[in-house]
Amino acid sequence: MAVTCLQLGYLNTQDGLHTPLEQAAQNGEGQLIALHDVVALVRTLLGLSAASYVRELVLPAIADERF
């Protein structure tokens, strides 16, 4: 069994997936990750073959000073 650890920065939970990606990314002013990005990454991880996995993924926002 393969397990991927996602280390995410702060998410923009104010904008749902119905909000266009560009707008959701701008609304966080570089401090928040658009939910669209997390969904895209999870879809990519699920699409990997059984021969590989991603052990750890760190996804901070561009302007997140903690990373």
N, C-alpha and C. Protein backbone atom coordinates (compact mmCIF):
# COMPACT_ATOMS: atom_id res chain seq x y z
N MET A 1 0.84 -1.17 0.00
CA MET A 1 0.00 0.00 0.00
C MET A 1 0.89 1.24 0.00
N ALA A 2 0.65 2.14 -0.92
CA ALA A 2 1.41 3.39 -1.02
C ALA A 2 0.63 4.51 -0.34
N VAL A 3 1.34 5.31 0.41
CA VAL A 3 0.73 6.44 1.12
C VAL A 3 1.48 7.71 0.73
N THR A 4 0.74 8.74 0.40
CA THR A 4 1.33 10.04 0.08
C THR A 4 0.97 11.02 1.17
N CYS A 5 1.97 11.70 1.68
CA CYS A 5 1.76 12.73 2.70
C CYS A 5 1.69 14.08 1.99
N LEU A 6 0.56 14.75 2.12
CA LEU A 6 0.38 16.08 1.53
C LEU A 6 0.61 17.13 2.61
N GLN A 7 1.59 17.98 2.39
CA GLN A 7 1.83 19.09 3.30
C GLN A 7 1.39 20.36 2.57
N LEU A 8 0.23 20.83 2.94
CA LEU A 8 -0.36 21.97 2.24
C LEU A 8 -0.23 23.24 3.06
N GLY A 9 -0.09 24.34 2.36
CA GLY A 9 -0.16 25.64 3.00
C GLY A 9 -1.63 25.97 3.25
N TYR A 10 -1.90 27.22 3.51
CA TYR A 10 -3.28 27.64 3.76
C TYR A 10 -4.09 27.58 2.47
N LEU A 11 -5.29 27.00 2.56
CA LEU A 11 -6.16 26.85 1.40
C LEU A 11 -7.15 28.00 1.30
N ASN A 12 -7.45 28.38 0.08
CA ASN A 12 -8.52 29.34 -0.17
C ASN A 12 -9.83 28.56 -0.17
N THR A 13 -10.47 28.52 0.98
CA THR A 13 -11.73 27.79 1.10
C THR A 13 -12.94 28.69 0.87
N GLN A 14 -12.69 29.97 0.64
CA GLN A 14 -13.79 30.89 0.36
C GLN A 14 -14.34 30.68 -1.05
N ASP A 15 -13.46 30.32 -1.97
CA ASP A 15 -13.85 30.10 -3.36
C ASP A 15 -13.95 28.61 -3.63
N GLY A 16 -15.10 28.18 -4.11
CA GLY A 16 -15.28 26.78 -4.46
C GLY A 16 -14.75 26.49 -5.85
N LEU A 17 -14.96 25.28 -6.29
CA LEU A 17 -14.48 24.88 -7.61
C LEU A 17 -15.27 25.56 -8.73
N HIS A 18 -16.41 26.16 -8.39
CA HIS A 18 -17.19 26.88 -9.40
C HIS A 18 -16.54 28.22 -9.77
N THR A 19 -15.65 28.72 -8.91
CA THR A 19 -14.93 29.96 -9.19
C THR A 19 -13.80 29.66 -10.17
N PRO A 20 -13.63 30.48 -11.20
CA PRO A 20 -12.53 30.24 -12.14
C PRO A 20 -11.18 30.21 -11.42
N LEU A 21 -10.30 29.35 -11.88
CA LEU A 21 -8.99 29.15 -11.25
C LEU A 21 -8.22 30.46 -11.11
N GLU A 22 -8.17 31.25 -12.15
CA GLU A 22 -7.41 32.51 -12.11
C GLU A 22 -7.93 33.44 -11.02
N GLN A 23 -9.25 33.51 -10.89
CA GLN A 23 -9.84 34.37 -9.87
C GLN A 23 -9.56 33.83 -8.47
N ALA A 24 -9.69 32.52 -8.29
CA ALA A 24 -9.43 31.91 -6.98
C ALA A 24 -7.97 32.11 -6.57
N ALA A 25 -7.06 32.04 -7.53
CA ALA A 25 -5.64 32.25 -7.22
C ALA A 25 -5.37 33.70 -6.84
N GLN A 26 -6.02 34.63 -7.51
CA GLN A 26 -5.82 36.05 -7.21
C GLN A 26 -6.45 36.45 -5.87
N ASN A 27 -7.56 35.82 -5.52
CA ASN A 27 -8.25 36.19 -4.28
C ASN A 27 -7.40 35.93 -3.05
N GLY A 28 -6.49 35.00 -3.12
CA GLY A 28 -5.62 34.71 -1.98
C GLY A 28 -4.43 35.63 -1.88
N GLU A 29 -4.23 36.47 -2.89
CA GLU A 29 -3.11 37.42 -2.93
C GLU A 29 -1.77 36.75 -2.66
N GLY A 30 -1.60 35.53 -3.16
CA GLY A 30 -0.34 34.82 -3.00
C GLY A 30 -0.17 34.13 -1.66
N GLN A 31 -1.13 34.32 -0.75
CA GLN A 31 -1.04 33.72 0.58
C GLN A 31 -1.82 32.42 0.70
N LEU A 32 -2.72 32.15 -0.25
CA LEU A 32 -3.59 30.98 -0.18
C LEU A 32 -3.47 30.13 -1.43
N ILE A 33 -3.61 28.84 -1.26
CA ILE A 33 -3.58 27.90 -2.37
C ILE A 33 -5.00 27.74 -2.90
N ALA A 34 -5.15 27.84 -4.20
CA ALA A 34 -6.46 27.61 -4.80
C ALA A 34 -6.83 26.14 -4.66
N LEU A 35 -8.05 25.89 -4.27
CA LEU A 35 -8.54 24.52 -4.11
C LEU A 35 -8.38 23.72 -5.40
N HIS A 36 -8.48 24.40 -6.52
CA HIS A 36 -8.32 23.77 -7.83
C HIS A 36 -6.96 23.07 -7.95
N ASP A 37 -5.92 23.70 -7.38
CA ASP A 37 -4.58 23.13 -7.46
C ASP A 37 -4.47 21.82 -6.69
N VAL A 38 -5.11 21.77 -5.54
CA VAL A 38 -5.07 20.54 -4.73
C VAL A 38 -5.83 19.42 -5.45
N VAL A 39 -6.96 19.75 -6.02
CA VAL A 39 -7.73 18.74 -6.77
C VAL A 39 -6.91 18.22 -7.95
N ALA A 40 -6.24 19.11 -8.66
CA ALA A 40 -5.41 18.69 -9.80
C ALA A 40 -4.28 17.77 -9.35
N LEU A 41 -3.65 18.09 -8.22
CA LEU A 41 -2.57 17.24 -7.72
C LEU A 41 -3.07 15.86 -7.30
N VAL A 42 -4.20 15.82 -6.62
CA VAL A 42 -4.76 14.54 -6.18
C VAL A 42 -5.13 13.69 -7.39
N ARG A 43 -5.70 14.31 -8.40
CA ARG A 43 -6.03 13.55 -9.62
C ARG A 43 -4.77 12.98 -10.26
N THR A 44 -3.71 13.76 -10.28
CA THR A 44 -2.44 13.28 -10.83
C THR A 44 -1.89 12.12 -10.02
N LEU A 45 -1.94 12.24 -8.69
CA LEU A 45 -1.46 11.16 -7.83
C LEU A 45 -2.25 9.88 -8.05
N LEU A 46 -3.56 10.02 -8.18
CA LEU A 46 -4.40 8.84 -8.39
C LEU A 46 -4.18 8.21 -9.76
N GLY A 47 -3.65 8.98 -10.70
CA GLY A 47 -3.40 8.48 -12.04
C GLY A 47 -2.08 7.76 -12.21
N LEU A 48 -1.25 7.75 -11.18
CA LEU A 48 0.03 7.05 -11.28
C LEU A 48 -0.18 5.54 -11.37
N SER A 49 0.76 4.89 -11.99
CA SER A 49 0.67 3.43 -12.09
C SER A 49 0.94 2.80 -10.73
N ALA A 50 0.67 1.52 -10.62
CA ALA A 50 0.90 0.79 -9.37
C ALA A 50 2.39 0.62 -9.08
N ALA A 51 3.23 0.93 -10.05
CA ALA A 51 4.68 0.75 -9.88
C ALA A 51 5.35 1.93 -9.20
N SER A 52 4.61 3.01 -8.98
CA SER A 52 5.24 4.19 -8.37
C SER A 52 4.26 4.92 -7.46
N TYR A 53 4.83 5.78 -6.62
CA TYR A 53 4.01 6.64 -5.78
C TYR A 53 4.84 7.85 -5.37
N VAL A 54 4.18 8.86 -4.90
CA VAL A 54 4.85 10.05 -4.38
C VAL A 54 4.82 9.94 -2.87
N ARG A 55 5.97 9.94 -2.26
CA ARG A 55 6.04 9.77 -0.80
C ARG A 55 5.55 11.01 -0.07
N GLU A 56 6.00 12.17 -0.53
CA GLU A 56 5.66 13.40 0.17
C GLU A 56 5.54 14.53 -0.84
N LEU A 57 4.57 15.39 -0.62
CA LEU A 57 4.35 16.52 -1.50
C LEU A 57 4.14 17.76 -0.64
N VAL A 58 4.95 18.78 -0.88
CA VAL A 58 4.83 20.04 -0.14
C VAL A 58 4.30 21.08 -1.12
N LEU A 59 3.18 21.71 -0.77
CA LEU A 59 2.55 22.69 -1.65
C LEU A 59 2.23 23.96 -0.88
N PRO A 60 3.20 24.86 -0.77
CA PRO A 60 2.91 26.15 -0.13
C PRO A 60 2.40 27.15 -1.16
N ALA A 61 1.77 28.19 -0.69
CA ALA A 61 1.42 29.30 -1.57
C ALA A 61 2.70 30.09 -1.86
N ILE A 62 2.72 30.79 -2.97
CA ILE A 62 3.91 31.54 -3.39
C ILE A 62 4.41 32.49 -2.30
N ALA A 63 3.51 33.20 -1.65
CA ALA A 63 3.90 34.21 -0.67
C ALA A 63 3.78 33.73 0.77
N ASP A 64 3.69 32.42 0.98
CA ASP A 64 3.59 31.88 2.34
C ASP A 64 4.97 31.93 2.99
N GLU A 65 5.13 32.76 3.98
CA GLU A 65 6.43 32.97 4.62
C GLU A 65 6.88 31.80 5.48
N ARG A 66 5.99 30.86 5.77
CA ARG A 66 6.35 29.72 6.61
C ARG A 66 7.21 28.71 5.88
N PHE A 67 7.23 28.76 4.54
CA PHE A 67 7.97 27.76 3.77
C PHE A 67 9.19 28.37 3.15
